[in-house]
Amino acid sequence: MTNSNTDDVEETGAGVAVADASEREEAADPEIDIEALENEGDIAADYIEGLLDIADFDGDIDMDVEGDRALVSVVGATLDELIGDKGEVLEALQELTRLAVHRATGSRSRLMLDIGGFREGRRRALSRIGAEVAETVKKTGEAKPLEPMTPFERKVVHDAIAAAGLRSESEGEEPYRYVVVYPAD
């Protein structure tokens, strides 16, 4: 998930991953407004459907609420052009979609956009990487920095590291922000 307001450090431990200050505030809010999230999903789906029509792409749109965010998925024919080599087009489309939702609602959106299952596949791969790095750090006892990642990718890795009982932090500046995995204290 890309967020332009990131803190200098993302830190996880005890199974909690927090990517920025606004996510900390939202995570503390026990009440999730499902109706508002469904509305975000509807607005986003309409926006994406319009883009697909303009670009003459085929695709079906699925909407869901996952945790505390709306999830809009585009599935269908070959959609590689909407993903990009490393998901960079998908990230840009997600930001544009969030802007469309913000414009319609007046509220910041944490909406997640997936195209052709790219994010779900990336989530599985990053969870595996996080678990493997955690094992390496446990064995060596040395901190290990990872390659630069998007906020979405870093959160997945932070979650995997926390699940393994270790601590991780994000360091650096976008777009070169990366995760460092630390041994348990």
C-alpha atoms as a PDB file:
ATOM      1  CA  MET A   1       0.000   0.000   0.000  1.00  0.00           C
ATOM      2  CA  THR A   2       1.450   3.308  -0.879  1.00  0.00           C
ATOM      3  CA  ASN A   3       1.107   6.056   1.650  1.00  0.00           C
ATOM      4  CA  SER A   4       2.703   9.405   1.072  1.00  0.00           C
ATOM      5  CA  ASN A   5       2.798  10.219   4.809  1.00  0.00           C
ATOM      6  CA  THR A   6       5.223   7.627   6.080  1.00  0.00           C
ATOM      7  CA  ASP A   7       7.082   7.968   9.354  1.00  0.00           C
ATOM      8  CA  ASP A   8      10.871   7.607   9.431  1.00  0.00           C
ATOM      9  CA  VAL A   9      10.617   4.157  10.996  1.00  0.00           C
ATOM     10  CA  GLU A  10       8.089   1.367  10.724  1.00  0.00           C
ATOM     11  CA  GLU A  11       8.596  -1.025  13.581  1.00  0.00           C
ATOM     12  CA  THR A  12       6.886  -4.293  14.320  1.00  0.00           C
ATOM     13  CA  GLY A  13       6.953  -6.749  17.129  1.00  0.00           C
ATOM     14  CA  ALA A  14       4.526  -9.005  18.979  1.00  0.00           C
ATOM     15  CA  GLY A  15       2.546  -9.547  15.786  1.00  0.00           C
ATOM     16  CA  VAL A  16       1.704  -5.881  15.095  1.00  0.00           C
ATOM     17  CA  ALA A  17       2.728  -4.124  11.900  1.00  0.00           C
ATOM     18  CA  VAL A  18       2.078  -0.429  11.455  1.00  0.00           C
ATOM     19  CA  ALA A  19       3.098   1.435   8.326  1.00  0.00           C
ATOM     20  CA  ASP A  20       2.382   5.069   9.163  1.00  0.00           C
ATOM     21  CA  ALA A  21       0.922   7.405  11.764  1.00  0.00           C
ATOM     22  CA  SER A  22      -2.572   7.416  10.273  1.00  0.00           C
ATOM     23  CA  GLU A  23      -2.630   3.612  10.229  1.00  0.00           C
ATOM     24  CA  ARG A  24      -1.736   3.633  13.930  1.00  0.00           C
ATOM     25  CA  GLU A  25      -4.766   5.864  14.555  1.00  0.00           C
ATOM     26  CA  GLU A  26      -7.019   3.619  12.464  1.00  0.00           C
ATOM     27  CA  ALA A  27      -5.662   0.459  14.116  1.00  0.00           C
ATOM     28  CA  ALA A  28      -6.612   1.912  17.511  1.00  0.00           C
ATOM     29  CA  ASP A  29     -10.219   2.445  16.345  1.00  0.00           C
ATOM     30  CA  PRO A  30     -12.111  -0.720  17.288  1.00  0.00           C
ATOM     31  CA  GLU A  31     -15.128   0.212  15.180  1.00  0.00           C
ATOM     32  CA  ILE A  32     -14.800  -0.331  11.459  1.00  0.00           C
ATOM     33  CA  ASP A  33     -17.443   1.378   9.339  1.00  0.00           C
ATOM     34  CA  ILE A  34     -18.245  -1.444   6.904  1.00  0.00           C
ATOM     35  CA  GLU A  35     -20.822   0.668   5.096  1.00  0.00           C
ATOM     36  CA  ALA A  36     -18.263   3.423   4.428  1.00  0.00           C
ATOM     37  CA  LEU A  37     -15.739   0.838   3.200  1.00  0.00           C
ATOM     38  CA  GLU A  38     -18.335  -0.711   0.903  1.00  0.00           C
ATOM     39  CA  ASN A  39     -19.078   2.788  -0.422  1.00  0.00           C
ATOM     40  CA  GLU A  40     -15.343   3.286  -1.100  1.00  0.00           C
ATOM     41  CA  GLY A  41     -15.334  -0.021  -2.956  1.00  0.00           C
ATOM     42  CA  ASP A  42     -18.323   1.033  -5.081  1.00  0.00           C
ATOM     43  CA  ILE A  43     -16.722   4.370  -5.965  1.00  0.00           C
ATOM     44  CA  ALA A  44     -13.426   2.675  -6.780  1.00  0.00           C
ATOM     45  CA  ALA A  45     -15.118  -0.016  -8.871  1.00  0.00           C
ATOM     46  CA  ASP A  46     -16.940   2.636 -10.917  1.00  0.00           C
ATOM     47  CA  TYR A  47     -13.677   4.527 -11.427  1.00  0.00           C
ATOM     48  CA  ILE A  48     -11.748   1.412 -12.477  1.00  0.00           C
ATOM     49  CA  GLU A  49     -14.583   0.293 -14.739  1.00  0.00           C
ATOM     50  CA  GLY A  50     -14.426   3.669 -16.477  1.00  0.00           C
ATOM     51  CA  LEU A  51     -10.667   3.321 -16.955  1.00  0.00           C
ATOM     52  CA  LEU A  52     -11.068  -0.194 -18.345  1.00  0.00           C
ATOM     53  CA  ASP A  53     -13.699   1.063 -20.801  1.00  0.00           C
ATOM     54  CA  ILE A  54     -11.513   3.967 -21.950  1.00  0.00           C
ATOM     55  CA  ALA A  55      -8.496   1.684 -22.421  1.00  0.00           C
ATOM     56  CA  ASP A  56     -10.683  -1.003 -24.048  1.00  0.00           C
ATOM     57  CA  PHE A  57      -9.621  -3.704 -21.559  1.00  0.00           C
ATOM     58  CA  ASP A  58     -11.841  -6.580 -20.569  1.00  0.00           C
ATOM     59  CA  GLY A  59     -12.098  -7.423 -16.912  1.00  0.00           C
ATOM     60  CA  ASP A  60     -14.558  -8.199 -14.183  1.00  0.00           C
ATOM     61  CA  ILE A  61     -14.491  -6.249 -10.944  1.00  0.00           C
ATOM     62  CA  ASP A  62     -14.889  -7.870  -7.531  1.00  0.00           C
ATOM     63  CA  MET A  63     -15.343  -5.842  -4.368  1.00  0.00           C
ATOM     64  CA  ASP A  64     -14.795  -6.914  -0.782  1.00  0.00           C
ATOM     65  CA  VAL A  65     -13.897  -5.537   2.622  1.00  0.00           C
ATOM     66  CA  GLU A  66     -10.734  -7.042   4.073  1.00  0.00           C
ATOM     67  CA  GLY A  67      -9.998  -6.050   7.638  1.00  0.00           C
ATOM     68  CA  ASP A  68     -10.214  -2.284   7.778  1.00  0.00           C
ATOM     69  CA  ARG A  69      -9.961  -1.507   4.080  1.00  0.00           C
ATOM     70  CA  ALA A  70     -11.929  -1.894   0.886  1.00  0.00           C
ATOM     71  CA  LEU A  71     -10.489  -4.340  -1.633  1.00  0.00           C
ATOM     72  CA  VAL A  72     -11.217  -4.011  -5.340  1.00  0.00           C
ATOM     73  CA  SER A  73      -9.942  -6.724  -7.669  1.00  0.00           C
ATOM     74  CA  VAL A  74      -9.896  -6.758 -11.451  1.00  0.00           C
ATOM     75  CA  VAL A  75      -9.903 -10.231 -12.946  1.00  0.00           C
ATOM     76  CA  GLY A  76     -10.213 -11.397 -16.494  1.00  0.00           C
ATOM     77  CA  ALA A  77      -8.249 -11.448 -19.687  1.00  0.00           C
ATOM     78  CA  THR A  78      -4.610 -10.480 -20.031  1.00  0.00           C
ATOM     79  CA  LEU A  79      -4.128  -7.487 -17.759  1.00  0.00           C
ATOM     80  CA  ASP A  80      -0.322  -7.389 -17.623  1.00  0.00           C
ATOM     81  CA  GLU A  81      -0.301  -3.848 -19.038  1.00  0.00           C
ATOM     82  CA  LEU A  82      -2.225  -2.694 -15.975  1.00  0.00           C
ATOM     83  CA  ILE A  83       0.262  -4.315 -13.601  1.00  0.00           C
ATOM     84  CA  GLY A  84       3.644  -3.379 -15.076  1.00  0.00           C
ATOM     85  CA  ASP A  85       6.922  -5.248 -14.712  1.00  0.00           C
ATOM     86  CA  LYS A  86       7.093  -5.026 -10.919  1.00  0.00           C
ATOM     87  CA  GLY A  87       3.620  -3.732 -10.146  1.00  0.00           C
ATOM     88  CA  GLU A  88       4.483  -0.085 -10.739  1.00  0.00           C
ATOM     89  CA  VAL A  89       1.462   0.526 -12.996  1.00  0.00           C
ATOM     90  CA  LEU A  90      -0.776  -1.183 -10.432  1.00  0.00           C
ATOM     91  CA  GLU A  91       0.633   1.097  -7.699  1.00  0.00           C
ATOM     92  CA  ALA A  92      -0.087   4.169  -9.827  1.00  0.00           C
ATOM     93  CA  LEU A  93      -3.617   2.984 -10.616  1.00  0.00           C
ATOM     94  CA  GLN A  94      -4.213   2.345  -6.918  1.00  0.00           C
ATOM     95  CA  GLU A  95      -3.150   5.894  -6.059  1.00  0.00           C
ATOM     96  CA  LEU A  96      -5.373   7.354  -8.787  1.00  0.00           C
ATOM     97  CA  THR A  97      -8.269   5.239  -7.526  1.00  0.00           C
ATOM     98  CA  ARG A  98      -7.667   6.404  -3.956  1.00  0.00           C
ATOM     99  CA  LEU A  99      -7.701  10.000  -5.196  1.00  0.00           C
ATOM    100  CA  ALA A 100     -11.032   9.371  -6.944  1.00  0.00           C
ATOM    101  CA  VAL A 101     -12.459   7.936  -3.710  1.00  0.00           C
ATOM    102  CA  HIS A 102     -11.070  10.869  -1.702  1.00  0.00           C
ATOM    103  CA  ARG A 103     -12.597  13.329  -4.141  1.00  0.00           C
ATOM    104  CA  ALA A 104     -16.004  11.651  -3.834  1.00  0.00           C
ATOM    105  CA  THR A 105     -15.992  11.109  -0.051  1.00  0.00           C
ATOM    106  CA  GLY A 106     -13.702  13.802   1.300  1.00  0.00           C
ATOM    107  CA  SER A 107     -11.905  11.139   3.340  1.00  0.00           C
ATOM    108  CA  ARG A 108      -8.511   9.525   2.888  1.00  0.00           C
ATOM    109  CA  SER A 109      -8.825   5.992   1.557  1.00  0.00           C
ATOM    110  CA  ARG A 110      -6.691   2.958   2.355  1.00  0.00           C
ATOM    111  CA  LEU A 111      -8.304   1.039  -0.492  1.00  0.00           C
ATOM    112  CA  MET A 112      -6.350  -1.887  -1.915  1.00  0.00           C
ATOM    113  CA  LEU A 113      -6.439  -2.523  -5.657  1.00  0.00           C
ATOM    114  CA  ASP A 114      -5.443  -5.882  -7.103  1.00  0.00           C
ATOM    115  CA  ILE A 115      -5.267  -6.728 -10.769  1.00  0.00           C
ATOM    116  CA  GLY A 116      -5.090 -10.259 -12.089  1.00  0.00           C
ATOM    117  CA  GLY A 117      -4.219 -11.609  -8.629  1.00  0.00           C
ATOM    118  CA  PHE A 118      -0.814  -9.853  -8.705  1.00  0.00           C
ATOM    119  CA  ARG A 119      -0.974  -8.565  -5.118  1.00  0.00           C
ATOM    120  CA  GLU A 120      -2.194 -11.865  -3.722  1.00  0.00           C
ATOM    121  CA  GLY A 121       0.624 -13.728  -5.465  1.00  0.00           C
ATOM    122  CA  ARG A 122       3.118 -11.119  -4.292  1.00  0.00           C
ATOM    123  CA  ARG A 123       1.747 -11.392  -0.740  1.00  0.00           C
ATOM    124  CA  ARG A 124       2.366 -15.162  -0.707  1.00  0.00           C
ATOM    125  CA  ALA A 125       5.888 -14.772  -2.108  1.00  0.00           C
ATOM    126  CA  LEU A 126       6.778 -12.004   0.368  1.00  0.00           C
ATOM    127  CA  SER A 127       5.405 -13.996   3.303  1.00  0.00           C
ATOM    128  CA  ARG A 128       7.710 -16.851   2.282  1.00  0.00           C
ATOM    129  CA  ILE A 129      10.655 -14.467   1.945  1.00  0.00           C
ATOM    130  CA  GLY A 130       9.889 -12.956   5.362  1.00  0.00           C
ATOM    131  CA  ALA A 131       9.765 -16.402   6.979  1.00  0.00           C
ATOM    132  CA  GLU A 132      13.049 -17.428   5.310  1.00  0.00           C
ATOM    133  CA  VAL A 133      14.813 -14.226   6.363  1.00  0.00           C
ATOM    134  CA  ALA A 134      13.495 -14.667   9.910  1.00  0.00           C
ATOM    135  CA  GLU A 135      15.031 -18.141  10.050  1.00  0.00           C
ATOM    136  CA  THR A 136      18.346 -16.811   8.745  1.00  0.00           C
ATOM    137  CA  VAL A 137      18.394 -14.000  11.322  1.00  0.00           C
ATOM    138  CA  LYS A 138      17.512 -16.458  14.107  1.00  0.00           C
ATOM    139  CA  LYS A 139      20.419 -18.702  13.071  1.00  0.00           C
ATOM    140  CA  THR A 140      23.035 -15.981  12.542  1.00  0.00           C
ATOM    141  CA  GLY A 141      21.898 -13.541  15.229  1.00  0.00           C
ATOM    142  CA  GLU A 142      22.703 -10.686  12.823  1.00  0.00           C
ATOM    143  CA  ALA A 143      20.393  -8.012  11.451  1.00  0.00           C
ATOM    144  CA  LYS A 144      19.564  -8.367   7.770  1.00  0.00           C
ATOM    145  CA  PRO A 145      18.469  -5.548   5.440  1.00  0.00           C
ATOM    146  CA  LEU A 146      16.222  -6.426   2.499  1.00  0.00           C
ATOM    147  CA  GLU A 147      15.801  -4.832  -0.909  1.00  0.00           C
ATOM    148  CA  PRO A 148      13.695  -1.664  -1.284  1.00  0.00           C
ATOM    149  CA  MET A 149       9.968  -2.372  -1.345  1.00  0.00           C
ATOM    150  CA  THR A 150       6.656  -0.606  -1.676  1.00  0.00           C
ATOM    151  CA  PRO A 151       4.670   0.105   1.505  1.00  0.00           C
ATOM    152  CA  PHE A 152       2.373  -2.850   0.718  1.00  0.00           C
ATOM    153  CA  GLU A 153       5.340  -5.176   0.339  1.00  0.00           C
ATOM    154  CA  ARG A 154       7.002  -3.901   3.513  1.00  0.00           C
ATOM    155  CA  LYS A 155       3.829  -4.455   5.529  1.00  0.00           C
ATOM    156  CA  VAL A 156       3.590  -8.065   4.334  1.00  0.00           C
ATOM    157  CA  VAL A 157       7.226  -8.663   5.319  1.00  0.00           C
ATOM    158  CA  HIS A 158       6.758  -6.913   8.683  1.00  0.00           C
ATOM    159  CA  ASP A 159       3.785  -9.198   9.387  1.00  0.00           C
ATOM    160  CA  ALA A 160       5.796 -12.320   8.502  1.00  0.00           C
ATOM    161  CA  ILE A 161       8.709 -11.200  10.691  1.00  0.00           C
ATOM    162  CA  ALA A 162       6.414 -10.428  13.632  1.00  0.00           C
ATOM    163  CA  ALA A 163       4.733 -13.836  13.225  1.00  0.00           C
ATOM    164  CA  ALA A 164       8.202 -15.398  13.522  1.00  0.00           C
ATOM    165  CA  GLY A 165       8.743 -13.551  16.818  1.00  0.00           C
ATOM    166  CA  LEU A 166      11.345 -11.097  15.531  1.00  0.00           C
ATOM    167  CA  ARG A 167      11.439  -7.330  15.146  1.00  0.00           C
ATOM    168  CA  SER A 168      11.697  -5.356  11.913  1.00  0.00           C
ATOM    169  CA  GLU A 169      11.945  -1.696  10.969  1.00  0.00           C
ATOM    170  CA  SER A 170      11.641   0.205   7.719  1.00  0.00           C
ATOM    171  CA  GLU A 171      14.468   2.570   6.924  1.00  0.00           C
ATOM    172  CA  GLY A 172      15.393   4.920   4.101  1.00  0.00           C
ATOM    173  CA  GLU A 173      13.364   7.264   1.948  1.00  0.00           C
ATOM    174  CA  GLU A 174      10.791   6.409  -0.712  1.00  0.00           C
ATOM    175  CA  PRO A 175      11.171   4.874  -3.230  1.00  0.00           C
ATOM    176  CA  TYR A 176      14.229   3.184  -1.699  1.00  0.00           C
ATOM    177  CA  ARG A 177      12.639   2.388   1.675  1.00  0.00           C
ATOM    178  CA  TYR A 178      13.533  -1.102   2.875  1.00  0.00           C
ATOM    179  CA  VAL A 179      12.994  -3.494   5.786  1.00  0.00           C
ATOM    180  CA  VAL A 180      15.703  -4.454   8.258  1.00  0.00           C
ATOM    181  CA  VAL A 181      15.101  -7.652  10.258  1.00  0.00           C
ATOM    182  CA  TYR A 182      16.594  -7.803  13.753  1.00  0.00           C
ATOM    183  CA  PRO A 183      17.186 -10.814  16.014  1.00  0.00           C
ATOM    184  CA  ALA A 184      14.937 -11.209  19.051  1.00  0.00           C
ATOM    185  CA  ASP A 185      16.121  -9.190  22.040  1.00  0.00           C
END
